[in-house]
């Protein structure tokens, strides 16, 4: 867990937490620690108040990861984290599996492109595109469990 300073909003009777600073700090932590580029959004208008807890959402290319934020004082300092590890799929493995399937089933060479960072979470669905002879074919990929196993279907 990391502590950081956040600036209070000006001109209001109740100081507001600068959630943009919190969002940047969480995104930077995820990028530094996990090498995952995620957009982070926190609810706006959070009053500065010691002990207040709220949730921000970190979103890699596919999926959403909740991050609990606790204000440690009334001056904009927070602590944040999630006890569940942030795991993403091995996208090189997914890409390779689709490429091999096309080659073995259709005898065609394809270049497969998938989203960069996909949260490893049962039920998530995303699309990869296989380029064969300058034409793109979508493959819908579904995560069948939280352990990195997927099912894909070409359309």
Protein backbone atom coordinates (compact mmCIF):
# COMPACT_ATOMS: atom_id res chain seq x y z
CA UNK A 1 0.00 0.00 0.00
CA UNK A 2 1.26 3.43 -0.91
CA UNK A 3 0.64 6.79 0.71
CA UNK A 4 0.34 9.88 -1.41
CA UNK A 5 -0.63 13.50 -1.11
CA UNK A 6 -3.68 14.85 -2.89
CA UNK A 7 -4.68 18.46 -3.27
CA UNK A 8 -7.98 19.75 -1.93
CA UNK A 9 -10.49 21.50 -4.15
CA UNK A 10 -10.79 25.25 -3.64
CA UNK A 11 -13.84 27.41 -3.15
CA UNK A 12 -16.14 24.88 -1.47
CA UNK A 13 -17.33 24.71 2.10
CA UNK A 14 -16.29 21.06 2.34
CA UNK A 15 -12.86 20.36 0.86
CA UNK A 16 -12.94 17.73 -1.88
CA UNK A 17 -10.29 15.13 -2.53
CA UNK A 18 -8.39 15.63 -5.78
CA UNK A 19 -9.29 12.26 -7.26
CA UNK A 20 -7.32 13.00 -10.46
CA UNK A 21 -4.15 12.76 -8.36
CA UNK A 22 -5.36 9.47 -6.86
CA UNK A 23 -6.20 8.10 -10.32
CA UNK A 24 -2.73 8.95 -11.65
CA UNK A 25 -1.03 7.42 -8.60
CA UNK A 26 -2.96 4.15 -8.93
CA UNK A 27 -2.31 3.97 -12.69
CA UNK A 28 1.40 4.65 -12.15
CA UNK A 29 1.60 1.97 -9.44
CA UNK A 30 -0.02 -0.61 -11.73
CA UNK A 31 2.29 0.32 -14.61
CA UNK A 32 5.43 0.29 -12.43
CA UNK A 33 4.64 -2.84 -10.44
CA UNK A 34 2.77 -4.99 -13.01
CA UNK A 35 3.75 -3.41 -16.38
CA UNK A 36 0.06 -3.04 -17.22
CA UNK A 37 -1.29 0.13 -18.78
CA UNK A 38 -4.64 0.82 -17.12
CA UNK A 39 -7.01 3.77 -17.13
CA UNK A 40 -8.22 4.54 -13.61
CA UNK A 41 -11.42 6.32 -12.65
CA UNK A 42 -12.55 7.34 -9.19
CA UNK A 43 -15.88 8.81 -8.18
CA UNK A 44 -15.87 12.63 -8.29
CA UNK A 45 -16.71 14.92 -5.41
CA UNK A 46 -15.31 12.79 -2.58
CA UNK A 47 -15.10 14.93 0.60
CA UNK A 48 -11.78 14.98 2.40
CA UNK A 49 -12.54 13.03 5.55
CA UNK A 50 -10.34 10.73 7.61
CA UNK A 51 -11.44 7.09 7.34
CA UNK A 52 -13.63 7.57 4.25
CA UNK A 53 -13.44 4.54 1.95
CA UNK A 54 -14.35 4.51 -1.74
CA UNK A 55 -13.60 2.39 -4.78
CA UNK A 56 -11.78 3.36 -7.97
CA UNK A 57 -11.77 1.17 -11.08
CA UNK A 58 -8.62 0.30 -12.98
CA UNK A 59 -9.32 -0.73 -16.55
CA UNK A 60 -6.70 -2.41 -18.71
CA UNK A 61 -7.61 -2.95 -22.39
CA UNK A 62 -10.31 -5.46 -21.31
CA UNK A 63 -11.85 -5.85 -17.86
CA UNK A 64 -12.15 -3.82 -14.67
CA UNK A 65 -10.20 -4.19 -11.41
CA UNK A 66 -11.57 -2.50 -8.26
CA UNK A 67 -9.11 -0.63 -6.04
CA UNK A 68 -10.19 0.27 -2.52
CA UNK A 69 -9.05 3.73 -1.39
CA UNK A 70 -9.00 4.87 2.23
CA UNK A 71 -8.41 8.47 3.29
CA UNK A 72 -5.85 8.31 6.09
CA UNK A 73 -6.44 11.89 7.23
CA UNK A 74 -8.55 14.87 6.31
CA UNK A 75 -5.72 16.44 4.29
CA UNK A 76 -5.90 14.38 1.11
CA UNK A 77 -3.55 11.52 1.97
CA UNK A 78 -4.79 8.08 0.94
CA UNK A 79 -3.89 4.40 1.05
CA UNK A 80 -5.08 2.10 -1.72
CA UNK A 81 -4.96 -1.52 -2.78
CA UNK A 82 -6.79 -4.74 -3.50
CA UNK A 83 -5.96 -8.04 -1.75
CA UNK A 84 -6.79 -9.96 -4.95
CA UNK A 85 -3.79 -10.03 -7.28
CA UNK A 86 -4.11 -8.18 -10.57
CA UNK A 87 -3.63 -10.89 -13.20
CA UNK A 88 -3.76 -10.55 -16.96
CA UNK A 89 -3.95 -13.24 -19.61
CA UNK A 90 -0.86 -14.41 -21.43
CA UNK A 91 -1.89 -12.75 -24.67
CA UNK A 92 1.07 -14.17 -26.60
CA UNK A 93 -0.26 -17.62 -25.75
CA UNK A 94 -3.81 -16.74 -26.87
CA UNK A 95 -2.51 -15.24 -30.11
CA UNK A 96 -0.34 -18.29 -30.76
CA UNK A 97 -3.26 -20.69 -30.14
CA UNK A 98 -5.50 -18.90 -32.64
CA UNK A 99 -2.69 -18.74 -35.20
CA UNK A 100 -2.01 -22.47 -34.87
CA UNK A 101 -5.73 -23.30 -35.10
CA UNK A 102 -6.05 -21.41 -38.37
CA UNK A 103 -2.96 -23.09 -39.75
CA UNK A 104 -3.96 -26.63 -38.76
CA UNK A 105 -7.66 -26.36 -39.63
CA UNK A 106 -7.56 -24.13 -42.73
CA UNK A 107 -3.92 -24.51 -43.82
CA UNK A 108 -3.65 -20.71 -43.88
CA UNK A 109 -1.05 -18.41 -42.40
CA UNK A 110 -2.53 -15.63 -40.32
CA UNK A 111 -1.34 -12.67 -38.32
CA UNK A 112 -3.45 -12.45 -35.16
CA UNK A 113 -3.88 -9.26 -33.16
CA UNK A 114 -5.48 -9.24 -29.71
CA UNK A 115 -5.88 -6.53 -27.05
CA UNK A 116 -2.65 -5.94 -25.12
CA UNK A 117 -3.78 -6.35 -21.50
CA UNK A 118 -6.82 -8.46 -20.71
CA UNK A 119 -7.79 -9.02 -17.11
CA UNK A 120 -7.74 -12.71 -16.20
CA UNK A 121 -11.34 -13.18 -15.07
CA UNK A 122 -13.94 -15.83 -15.75
CA UNK A 123 -16.60 -14.71 -18.21
CA UNK A 124 -14.76 -11.83 -19.85
CA UNK A 125 -15.26 -11.70 -23.61
CA UNK A 126 -13.04 -9.89 -26.10
CA UNK A 127 -12.23 -9.98 -29.79
CA UNK A 128 -9.00 -10.79 -31.61
CA UNK A 129 -8.58 -10.26 -35.34
CA UNK A 130 -6.85 -12.71 -37.67
CA UNK A 131 -5.49 -11.19 -40.89
CA UNK A 132 -5.41 -13.71 -43.74
CA UNK A 133 -4.58 -12.53 -47.25
CA UNK A 134 -5.19 -8.88 -46.32
CA UNK A 135 -8.63 -9.61 -44.92
CA UNK A 136 -9.57 -9.47 -41.23
CA UNK A 137 -11.55 -12.18 -39.46
CA UNK A 138 -12.82 -11.64 -35.91
CA UNK A 139 -12.36 -14.29 -33.25
CA UNK A 140 -14.53 -13.95 -30.16
CA UNK A 141 -12.57 -15.11 -27.13
CA UNK A 142 -14.26 -16.06 -23.84
CA UNK A 143 -12.43 -16.71 -20.59
CA UNK A 144 -13.82 -19.98 -19.25
CA UNK A 145 -12.23 -19.66 -15.81
CA UNK A 146 -9.99 -17.36 -13.80
CA UNK A 147 -6.90 -19.46 -14.53
CA UNK A 148 -6.16 -18.31 -18.06
CA UNK A 149 -8.17 -20.87 -20.03
CA UNK A 150 -10.07 -19.48 -23.00
CA UNK A 151 -12.43 -20.62 -25.73
CA UNK A 152 -12.47 -18.88 -29.10
CA UNK A 153 -14.70 -18.97 -32.14
CA UNK A 154 -13.95 -17.46 -35.54
CA UNK A 155 -16.67 -15.51 -37.34
